[in-house]
Amino acid sequence: MATKAWKARYKKRLELVLKYADIRKKLKEEKNYAGLAKLPRNSNPTRVARRCELTGRRRGYYRKFKISRIMLRELAHAGLIPGMRKSSW
């Protein structure tokens, strides 16, 4: 499980990305790379690594559910994800 600091850093980066999205788009259209360089580093969307909403885990992340593979499995076994069940053949 991720620490609270990692989760907080993730949320802070997401907020910065949203805050500077319009400015970044405008600077890119103008090809003003000096202006882009002056923006905060964490305002770049590529610096945001998706994390599990429940545990904060970075690896094994399912975009559709916004959770990690481990939590997906546990929730599916508990029957908490509609339409998902353990397969057998």
PDB file of N, CA and C in Angstrom:
ATOM      1  N   MET A   1       0.840  -1.182   0.000  1.00  0.00           N
ATOM      2  CA  MET A   1       0.000   0.000   0.000  1.00  0.00           C
ATOM      3  C   MET A   1       0.886   1.247   0.000  1.00  0.00           C
ATOM      4  N   ALA A   2       0.499   2.206  -0.799  1.00  0.00           N
ATOM      5  CA  ALA A   2       1.275   3.441  -0.911  1.00  0.00           C
ATOM      6  C   ALA A   2       1.112   4.297   0.343  1.00  0.00           C
ATOM      7  N   THR A   3       2.107   5.105   0.592  1.00  0.00           N
ATOM      8  CA  THR A   3       2.027   5.994   1.748  1.00  0.00           C
ATOM      9  C   THR A   3       1.080   7.153   1.437  1.00  0.00           C
ATOM     10  N   LYS A   4       0.668   7.844   2.481  1.00  0.00           N
ATOM     11  CA  LYS A   4      -0.233   8.981   2.294  1.00  0.00           C
ATOM     12  C   LYS A   4       0.455  10.099   1.519  1.00  0.00           C
ATOM     13  N   ALA A   5       1.766  10.216   1.679  1.00  0.00           N
ATOM     14  CA  ALA A   5       2.515  11.258   0.968  1.00  0.00           C
ATOM     15  C   ALA A   5       2.470  11.025  -0.543  1.00  0.00           C
ATOM     16  N   TRP A   6       2.570   9.783  -0.975  1.00  0.00           N
ATOM     17  CA  TRP A   6       2.515   9.484  -2.407  1.00  0.00           C
ATOM     18  C   TRP A   6       1.151   9.830  -2.978  1.00  0.00           C
ATOM     19  N   LYS A   7       0.113   9.484  -2.220  1.00  0.00           N
ATOM     20  CA  LYS A   7      -1.240   9.793  -2.677  1.00  0.00           C
ATOM     21  C   LYS A   7      -1.450  11.300  -2.755  1.00  0.00           C
ATOM     22  N   ALA A   8      -0.937  12.021  -1.772  1.00  0.00           N
ATOM     23  CA  ALA A   8      -1.074  13.475  -1.754  1.00  0.00           C
ATOM     24  C   ALA A   8      -0.318  14.105  -2.924  1.00  0.00           C
ATOM     25  N   ARG A   9       0.872  13.610  -3.214  1.00  0.00           N
ATOM     26  CA  ARG A   9       1.673  14.113  -4.325  1.00  0.00           C
ATOM     27  C   ARG A   9       0.958  13.875  -5.654  1.00  0.00           C
ATOM     28  N   TYR A  10       0.330  12.714  -5.775  1.00  0.00           N
ATOM     29  CA  TYR A  10      -0.420  12.368  -6.983  1.00  0.00           C
ATOM     30  C   TYR A  10      -1.573  13.360  -7.189  1.00  0.00           C
ATOM     31  N   LYS A  11      -2.317  13.643  -6.130  1.00  0.00           N
ATOM     32  CA  LYS A  11      -3.443  14.570  -6.230  1.00  0.00           C
ATOM     33  C   LYS A  11      -2.967  15.989  -6.548  1.00  0.00           C
ATOM     34  N   LYS A  12      -1.844  16.367  -5.965  1.00  0.00           N
ATOM     35  CA  LYS A  12      -1.290  17.699  -6.206  1.00  0.00           C
ATOM     36  C   LYS A  12      -0.883  17.852  -7.672  1.00  0.00           C
ATOM     37  N   ARG A  13      -0.279  16.809  -8.237  1.00  0.00           N
ATOM     38  CA  ARG A  13       0.117  16.846  -9.645  1.00  0.00           C
ATOM     39  C   ARG A  13      -1.099  16.936 -10.551  1.00  0.00           C
ATOM     40  N   LEU A  14      -2.152  16.181 -10.219  1.00  0.00           N
ATOM     41  CA  LEU A  14      -3.361  16.238 -11.032  1.00  0.00           C
ATOM     42  C   LEU A  14      -3.957  17.640 -11.045  1.00  0.00           C
ATOM     43  N   GLU A  15      -3.957  18.285  -9.885  1.00  0.00           N
ATOM     44  CA  GLU A  15      -4.483  19.648  -9.795  1.00  0.00           C
ATOM     45  C   GLU A  15      -3.666  20.616 -10.639  1.00  0.00           C
ATOM     46  N   LEU A  16      -2.336  20.470 -10.599  1.00  0.00           N
ATOM     47  CA  LEU A  16      -1.467  21.345 -11.399  1.00  0.00           C
ATOM     48  C   LEU A  16      -1.690  21.135 -12.895  1.00  0.00           C
ATOM     49  N   VAL A  17      -1.873  19.892 -13.295  1.00  0.00           N
ATOM     50  CA  VAL A  17      -2.106  19.597 -14.711  1.00  0.00           C
ATOM     51  C   VAL A  17      -3.383  20.287 -15.173  1.00  0.00           C
ATOM     52  N   LEU A  18      -4.432  20.201 -14.378  1.00  0.00           N
ATOM     53  CA  LEU A  18      -5.698  20.832 -14.741  1.00  0.00           C
ATOM     54  C   LEU A  18      -5.590  22.357 -14.738  1.00  0.00           C
ATOM     55  N   LYS A  19      -4.849  22.887 -13.783  1.00  0.00           N
ATOM     56  CA  LYS A  19      -4.701  24.342 -13.659  1.00  0.00           C
ATOM     57  C   LYS A  19      -3.998  24.942 -14.873  1.00  0.00           C
ATOM     58  N   TYR A  20      -2.957  24.285 -15.367  1.00  0.00           N
ATOM     59  CA  TYR A  20      -2.143  24.829 -16.448  1.00  0.00           C
ATOM     60  C   TYR A  20      -2.472  24.253 -17.828  1.00  0.00           C
ATOM     61  N   ALA A  21      -3.524  23.461 -17.946  1.00  0.00           N
ATOM     62  CA  ALA A  21      -3.838  22.814 -19.224  1.00  0.00           C
ATOM     63  C   ALA A  21      -4.079  23.825 -20.345  1.00  0.00           C
ATOM     64  N   ASP A  22      -4.871  24.844 -20.067  1.00  0.00           N
ATOM     65  CA  ASP A  22      -5.180  25.837 -21.111  1.00  0.00           C
ATOM     66  C   ASP A  22      -3.941  26.640 -21.498  1.00  0.00           C
ATOM     67  N   ILE A  23      -3.154  27.009 -20.499  1.00  0.00           N
ATOM     68  CA  ILE A  23      -1.935  27.789 -20.756  1.00  0.00           C
ATOM     69  C   ILE A  23      -0.952  26.978 -21.600  1.00  0.00           C
ATOM     70  N   ARG A  24      -0.801  25.694 -21.249  1.00  0.00           N
ATOM     71  CA  ARG A  24       0.109  24.823 -21.989  1.00  0.00           C
ATOM     72  C   ARG A  24      -0.338  24.689 -23.444  1.00  0.00           C
ATOM     73  N   LYS A  25      -1.641  24.517 -23.631  1.00  0.00           N
ATOM     74  CA  LYS A  25      -2.165  24.353 -24.981  1.00  0.00           C
ATOM     75  C   LYS A  25      -1.895  25.602 -25.822  1.00  0.00           C
ATOM     76  N   LYS A  26      -2.115  26.756 -25.225  1.00  0.00           N
ATOM     77  CA  LYS A  26      -1.892  28.020 -25.929  1.00  0.00           C
ATOM     78  C   LYS A  26      -0.412  28.199 -26.286  1.00  0.00           C
ATOM     79  N   LEU A  27       0.479  27.904 -25.333  1.00  0.00           N
ATOM     80  CA  LEU A  27       1.913  28.047 -25.585  1.00  0.00           C
ATOM     81  C   LEU A  27       2.400  27.076 -26.649  1.00  0.00           C
ATOM     82  N   LYS A  28       1.843  25.879 -26.683  1.00  0.00           N
ATOM     83  CA  LYS A  28       2.235  24.902 -27.697  1.00  0.00           C
ATOM     84  C   LYS A  28       1.797  25.344 -29.080  1.00  0.00           C
ATOM     85  N   GLU A  29       0.589  25.909 -29.177  1.00  0.00           N
ATOM     86  CA  GLU A  29       0.104  26.386 -30.473  1.00  0.00           C
ATOM     87  C   GLU A  29       0.973  27.527 -31.003  1.00  0.00           C
ATOM     88  N   GLU A  30       1.449  28.380 -30.082  1.00  0.00           N
ATOM     89  CA  GLU A  30       2.318  29.495 -30.465  1.00  0.00           C
ATOM     90  C   GLU A  30       3.769  29.058 -30.658  1.00  0.00           C
ATOM     91  N   LYS A  31       4.060  27.819 -30.314  1.00  0.00           N
ATOM     92  CA  LYS A  31       5.415  27.259 -30.356  1.00  0.00           C
ATOM     93  C   LYS A  31       6.382  28.068 -29.490  1.00  0.00           C
ATOM     94  N   ASN A  32       5.872  28.489 -28.344  1.00  0.00           N
ATOM     95  CA  ASN A  32       6.652  29.258 -27.375  1.00  0.00           C
ATOM     96  C   ASN A  32       7.234  28.281 -26.341  1.00  0.00           C
ATOM     97  N   TYR A  33       8.341  27.658 -26.695  1.00  0.00           N
ATOM     98  CA  TYR A  33       8.927  26.632 -25.833  1.00  0.00           C
ATOM     99  C   TYR A  33       9.630  27.233 -24.624  1.00  0.00           C
ATOM    100  N   ALA A  34      10.059  28.474 -24.730  1.00  0.00           N
ATOM    101  CA  ALA A  34      10.663  29.149 -23.573  1.00  0.00           C
ATOM    102  C   ALA A  34       9.602  29.375 -22.499  1.00  0.00           C
ATOM    103  N   GLY A  35       8.417  29.739 -22.930  1.00  0.00           N
ATOM    104  CA  GLY A  35       7.308  29.924 -21.985  1.00  0.00           C
ATOM    105  C   GLY A  35       6.887  28.616 -21.348  1.00  0.00           C
ATOM    106  N   LEU A  36       6.909  27.552 -22.134  1.00  0.00           N
ATOM    107  CA  LEU A  36       6.580  26.222 -21.600  1.00  0.00           C
ATOM    108  C   LEU A  36       7.586  25.800 -20.544  1.00  0.00           C
ATOM    109  N   ALA A  37       8.839  26.133 -20.771  1.00  0.00           N
ATOM    110  CA  ALA A  37       9.893  25.741 -19.836  1.00  0.00           C
ATOM    111  C   ALA A  37       9.767  26.456 -18.497  1.00  0.00           C
ATOM    112  N   LYS A  38       9.115  27.610 -18.491  1.00  0.00           N
ATOM    113  CA  LYS A  38       8.964  28.372 -17.256  1.00  0.00           C
ATOM    114  C   LYS A  38       7.818  27.865 -16.382  1.00  0.00           C
ATOM    115  N   LEU A  39       6.942  27.055 -16.954  1.00  0.00           N
ATOM    116  CA  LEU A  39       5.838  26.487 -16.171  1.00  0.00           C
ATOM    117  C   LEU A  39       6.381  25.443 -15.197  1.00  0.00           C
ATOM    118  N   PRO A  40       5.641  25.153 -14.129  1.00  0.00           N
ATOM    119  CA  PRO A  40       6.093  24.123 -13.183  1.00  0.00           C
ATOM    120  C   PRO A  40       6.225  22.760 -13.859  1.00  0.00           C
ATOM    121  N   ARG A  41       7.220  22.011 -13.451  1.00  0.00           N
ATOM    122  CA  ARG A  41       7.446  20.691 -14.050  1.00  0.00           C
ATOM    123  C   ARG A  41       6.241  19.775 -13.881  1.00  0.00           C
ATOM    124  N   ASN A  42       5.641  19.824 -12.711  1.00  0.00           N
ATOM    125  CA  ASN A  42       4.534  18.913 -12.429  1.00  0.00           C
ATOM    126  C   ASN A  42       3.244  19.303 -13.146  1.00  0.00           C
ATOM    127  N   SER A  43       3.264  20.382 -13.914  1.00  0.00           N
ATOM    128  CA  SER A  43       2.083  20.740 -14.695  1.00  0.00           C
ATOM    129  C   SER A  43       2.053  19.975 -16.016  1.00  0.00           C
ATOM    130  N   ASN A  44       3.110  19.223 -16.296  1.00  0.00           N
ATOM    131  CA  ASN A  44       3.175  18.409 -17.500  1.00  0.00           C
ATOM    132  C   ASN A  44       2.403  17.113 -17.274  1.00  0.00           C
ATOM    133  N   PRO A  45       1.425  16.793 -18.129  1.00  0.00           N
ATOM    134  CA  PRO A  45       0.609  15.596 -17.902  1.00  0.00           C
ATOM    135  C   PRO A  45       1.387  14.285 -17.927  1.00  0.00           C
ATOM    136  N   THR A  46       2.537  14.258 -18.581  1.00  0.00           N
ATOM    137  CA  THR A  46       3.288  13.012 -18.626  1.00  0.00           C
ATOM    138  C   THR A  46       3.926  12.665 -17.285  1.00  0.00           C
ATOM    139  N   ARG A  47       4.003  13.627 -16.380  1.00  0.00           N
ATOM    140  CA  ARG A  47       4.585  13.364 -15.069  1.00  0.00           C
ATOM    141  C   ARG A  47       3.594  12.718 -14.102  1.00  0.00           C
ATOM    142  N   VAL A  48       2.337  12.667 -14.504  1.00  0.00           N
ATOM    143  CA  VAL A  48       1.316  12.055 -13.654  1.00  0.00           C
ATOM    144  C   VAL A  48       1.269  10.567 -13.967  1.00  0.00           C
ATOM    145  N   ALA A  49       1.636   9.753 -13.005  1.00  0.00           N
ATOM    146  CA  ALA A  49       1.540   8.308 -13.161  1.00  0.00           C
ATOM    147  C   ALA A  49       0.256   7.869 -12.489  1.00  0.00           C
ATOM    148  N   ARG A  50      -0.598   7.185 -13.221  1.00  0.00           N
ATOM    149  CA  ARG A  50      -1.886   6.776 -12.665  1.00  0.00           C
ATOM    150  C   ARG A  50      -1.693   5.848 -11.471  1.00  0.00           C
ATOM    151  N   ARG A  51      -2.526   6.038 -10.464  1.00  0.00           N
ATOM    152  CA  ARG A  51      -2.456   5.235  -9.245  1.00  0.00           C
ATOM    153  C   ARG A  51      -3.825   4.678  -8.909  1.00  0.00           C
ATOM    154  N   CYS A  52      -3.822   3.553  -8.233  1.00  0.00           N
ATOM    155  CA  CYS A  52      -5.053   2.917  -7.762  1.00  0.00           C
ATOM    156  C   CYS A  52      -5.766   3.870  -6.804  1.00  0.00           C
ATOM    157  N   GLU A  53      -7.080   4.016  -6.978  1.00  0.00           N
ATOM    158  CA  GLU A  53      -7.860   4.912  -6.129  1.00  0.00           C
ATOM    159  C   GLU A  53      -7.927   4.402  -4.686  1.00  0.00           C
ATOM    160  N   LEU A  54      -7.834   3.097  -4.506  1.00  0.00           N
ATOM    161  CA  LEU A  54      -7.991   2.525  -3.170  1.00  0.00           C
ATOM    162  C   LEU A  54      -6.678   2.369  -2.418  1.00  0.00           C
ATOM    163  N   THR A  55      -5.651   1.888  -3.125  1.00  0.00           N
ATOM    164  CA  THR A  55      -4.391   1.586  -2.440  1.00  0.00           C
ATOM    165  C   THR A  55      -3.254   2.524  -2.802  1.00  0.00           C
ATOM    166  N   GLY A  56      -3.340   3.183  -3.946  1.00  0.00           N
ATOM    167  CA  GLY A  56      -2.263   4.059  -4.383  1.00  0.00           C
ATOM    168  C   GLY A  56      -1.177   3.336  -5.157  1.00  0.00           C
ATOM    169  N   ARG A  57      -1.389   2.075  -5.471  1.00  0.00           N
ATOM    170  CA  ARG A  57      -0.402   1.290  -6.204  1.00  0.00           C
ATOM    171  C   ARG A  57      -0.283   1.792  -7.643  1.00  0.00           C
ATOM    172  N   ARG A  58       0.953   1.867  -8.162  1.00  0.00           N
ATOM    173  CA  ARG A  58       1.196   2.353  -9.516  1.00  0.00           C
ATOM    174  C   ARG A  58       1.137   1.248 -10.554  1.00  0.00           C
ATOM    175  N   ARG A  59       1.626   0.096 -10.220  1.00  0.00           N
ATOM    176  CA  ARG A  59       1.714  -0.977 -11.208  1.00  0.00           C
ATOM    177  C   ARG A  59       0.428  -1.784 -11.283  1.00  0.00           C
ATOM    178  N   GLY A  60       0.189  -2.369 -12.438  1.00  0.00           N
ATOM    179  CA  GLY A  60      -0.985  -3.218 -12.613  1.00  0.00           C
ATOM    180  C   GLY A  60      -2.284  -2.438 -12.506  1.00  0.00           C
ATOM    181  N   TYR A  61      -2.324  -1.263 -13.117  1.00  0.00           N
ATOM    182  CA  TYR A  61      -3.470  -0.359 -13.020  1.00  0.00           C
ATOM    183  C   TYR A  61      -4.421  -0.592 -14.183  1.00  0.00           C
ATOM    184  N   TYR A  62      -5.701  -0.754 -13.888  1.00  0.00           N
ATOM    185  CA  TYR A  62      -6.724  -0.900 -14.915  1.00  0.00           C
ATOM    186  C   TYR A  62      -7.440   0.430 -15.078  1.00  0.00           C
ATOM    187  N   ARG A  63      -7.310   1.039 -16.251  1.00  0.00           N
ATOM    188  CA  ARG A  63      -7.899   2.351 -16.486  1.00  0.00           C
ATOM    189  C   ARG A  63      -9.420   2.329 -16.371  1.00  0.00           C
ATOM    190  N   LYS A  64     -10.021   1.278 -16.861  1.00  0.00           N
ATOM    191  CA  LYS A  64     -11.483   1.203 -16.870  1.00  0.00           C
ATOM    192  C   LYS A  64     -12.070   1.288 -15.462  1.00  0.00           C
ATOM    193  N   PHE A  65     -11.390   0.664 -14.514  1.00  0.00           N
ATOM    194  CA  PHE A  65     -11.898   0.620 -13.140  1.00  0.00           C
ATOM    195  C   PHE A  65     -11.193   1.603 -12.208  1.00  0.00           C
ATOM    196  N   LYS A  66     -10.060   2.145 -12.642  1.00  0.00           N
ATOM    197  CA  LYS A  66      -9.231   3.056 -11.853  1.00  0.00           C
ATOM    198  C   LYS A  66      -8.703   2.414 -10.566  1.00  0.00           C
ATOM    199  N   ILE A  67      -8.468   1.111 -10.642  1.00  0.00           N
ATOM    200  CA  ILE A  67      -7.889   0.398  -9.493  1.00  0.00           C
ATOM    201  C   ILE A  67      -6.829  -0.577  -9.983  1.00  0.00           C
ATOM    202  N   SER A  68      -6.031  -1.083  -9.045  1.00  0.00           N
ATOM    203  CA  SER A  68      -4.971  -2.020  -9.402  1.00  0.00           C
ATOM    204  C   SER A  68      -5.539  -3.422  -9.595  1.00  0.00           C
ATOM    205  N   ARG A  69      -4.736  -4.273 -10.180  1.00  0.00           N
ATOM    206  CA  ARG A  69      -5.167  -5.641 -10.471  1.00  0.00           C
ATOM    207  C   ARG A  69      -5.499  -6.410  -9.202  1.00  0.00           C
ATOM    208  N   ILE A  70      -4.778  -6.142  -8.139  1.00  0.00           N
ATOM    209  CA  ILE A  70      -4.993  -6.856  -6.882  1.00  0.00           C
ATOM    210  C   ILE A  70      -6.355  -6.485  -6.291  1.00  0.00           C
ATOM    211  N   MET A  71      -6.652  -5.192  -6.268  1.00  0.00           N
ATOM    212  CA  MET A  71      -7.939  -4.745  -5.741  1.00  0.00           C
ATOM    213  C   MET A  71      -9.083  -5.180  -6.651  1.00  0.00           C
ATOM    214  N   LEU A  72      -8.841  -5.203  -7.955  1.00  0.00           N
ATOM    215  CA  LEU A  72      -9.859  -5.664  -8.898  1.00  0.00           C
ATOM    216  C   LEU A  72     -10.226  -7.111  -8.596  1.00  0.00           C
ATOM    217  N   ARG A  73      -9.231  -7.918  -8.359  1.00  0.00           N
ATOM    218  CA  ARG A  73      -9.461  -9.334  -8.063  1.00  0.00           C
ATOM    219  C   ARG A  73     -10.234  -9.507  -6.756  1.00  0.00           C
ATOM    220  N   GLU A  74      -9.816  -8.770  -5.725  1.00  0.00           N
ATOM    221  CA  GLU A  74     -10.482  -8.887  -4.427  1.00  0.00           C
ATOM    222  C   GLU A  74     -11.936  -8.426  -4.500  1.00  0.00           C
ATOM    223  N   LEU A  75     -12.175  -7.309  -5.173  1.00  0.00           N
ATOM    224  CA  LEU A  75     -13.536  -6.797  -5.286  1.00  0.00           C
ATOM    225  C   LEU A  75     -14.412  -7.707  -6.149  1.00  0.00           C
ATOM    226  N   ALA A  76     -13.811  -8.302  -7.188  1.00  0.00           N
ATOM    227  CA  ALA A  76     -14.570  -9.216  -8.049  1.00  0.00           C
ATOM    228  C   ALA A  76     -14.958 -10.472  -7.277  1.00  0.00           C
ATOM    229  N   HIS A  77     -14.036 -11.001  -6.475  1.00  0.00           N
ATOM    230  CA  HIS A  77     -14.345 -12.191  -5.672  1.00  0.00           C
ATOM    231  C   HIS A  77     -15.429 -11.895  -4.647  1.00  0.00           C
ATOM    232  N   ALA A  78     -15.433 -10.659  -4.135  1.00  0.00           N
ATOM    233  CA  ALA A  78     -16.444 -10.269  -3.147  1.00  0.00           C
ATOM    234  C   ALA A  78     -17.782  -9.932  -3.807  1.00  0.00           C
ATOM    235  N   GLY A  79     -17.806  -9.876  -5.143  1.00  0.00           N
ATOM    236  CA  GLY A  79     -19.039  -9.581  -5.866  1.00  0.00           C
ATOM    237  C   GLY A  79     -19.400  -8.109  -5.853  1.00  0.00           C
ATOM    238  N   LEU A  80     -18.413  -7.230  -5.691  1.00  0.00           N
ATOM    239  CA  LEU A  80     -18.682  -5.800  -5.603  1.00  0.00           C
ATOM    240  C   LEU A  80     -18.567  -5.077  -6.944  1.00  0.00           C
ATOM    241  N   ILE A  81     -18.149  -5.796  -7.988  1.00  0.00           N
ATOM    242  CA  ILE A  81     -18.060  -5.189  -9.320  1.00  0.00           C
ATOM    243  C   ILE A  81     -19.164  -5.810 -10.175  1.00  0.00           C
ATOM    244  N   PRO A  82     -20.169  -5.019 -10.568  1.00  0.00           N
ATOM    245  CA  PRO A  82     -21.298  -5.554 -11.322  1.00  0.00           C
ATOM    246  C   PRO A  82     -20.866  -6.174 -12.648  1.00  0.00           C
ATOM    247  N   GLY A  83     -21.403  -7.333 -12.935  1.00  0.00           N
ATOM    248  CA  GLY A  83     -21.146  -8.004 -14.203  1.00  0.00           C
ATOM    249  C   GLY A  83     -19.837  -8.746 -14.270  1.00  0.00           C
ATOM    250  N   MET A  84     -19.065  -8.786 -13.205  1.00  0.00           N
ATOM    251  CA  MET A  84     -17.790  -9.477 -13.226  1.00  0.00           C
ATOM    252  C   MET A  84     -17.839 -10.658 -12.278  1.00  0.00           C
ATOM    253  N   ARG A  85     -17.370 -11.789 -12.788  1.00  0.00           N
ATOM    254  CA  ARG A  85     -17.285 -12.958 -11.934  1.00  0.00           C
ATOM    255  C   ARG A  85     -16.101 -13.810 -12.367  1.00  0.00           C
ATOM    256  N   LYS A  86     -15.723 -14.707 -11.523  1.00  0.00           N
ATOM    257  CA  LYS A  86     -14.574 -15.563 -11.801  1.00  0.00           C
ATOM    258  C   LYS A  86     -14.925 -16.512 -12.964  1.00  0.00           C
ATOM    259  N   SER A  87     -14.019 -16.575 -13.931  1.00  0.00           N
ATOM    260  CA  SER A  87     -14.278 -17.438 -15.067  1.00  0.00           C
ATOM    261  C   SER A  87     -13.720 -18.836 -14.800  1.00  0.00           C
ATOM    262  N   SER A  88     -14.368 -19.821 -15.422  1.00  0.00           N
ATOM    263  CA  SER A  88     -13.855 -21.192 -15.350  1.00  0.00           C
ATOM    264  C   SER A  88     -14.270 -21.904 -16.642  1.00  0.00           C
ATOM    265  N   TRP A  89     -13.387 -22.731 -17.138  1.00  0.00           N
ATOM    266  CA  TRP A  89     -13.688 -23.475 -18.374  1.00  0.00           C
ATOM    267  C   TRP A  89     -13.071 -24.832 -18.341  1.00  0.00           C
TER     268      TRP A  89
END
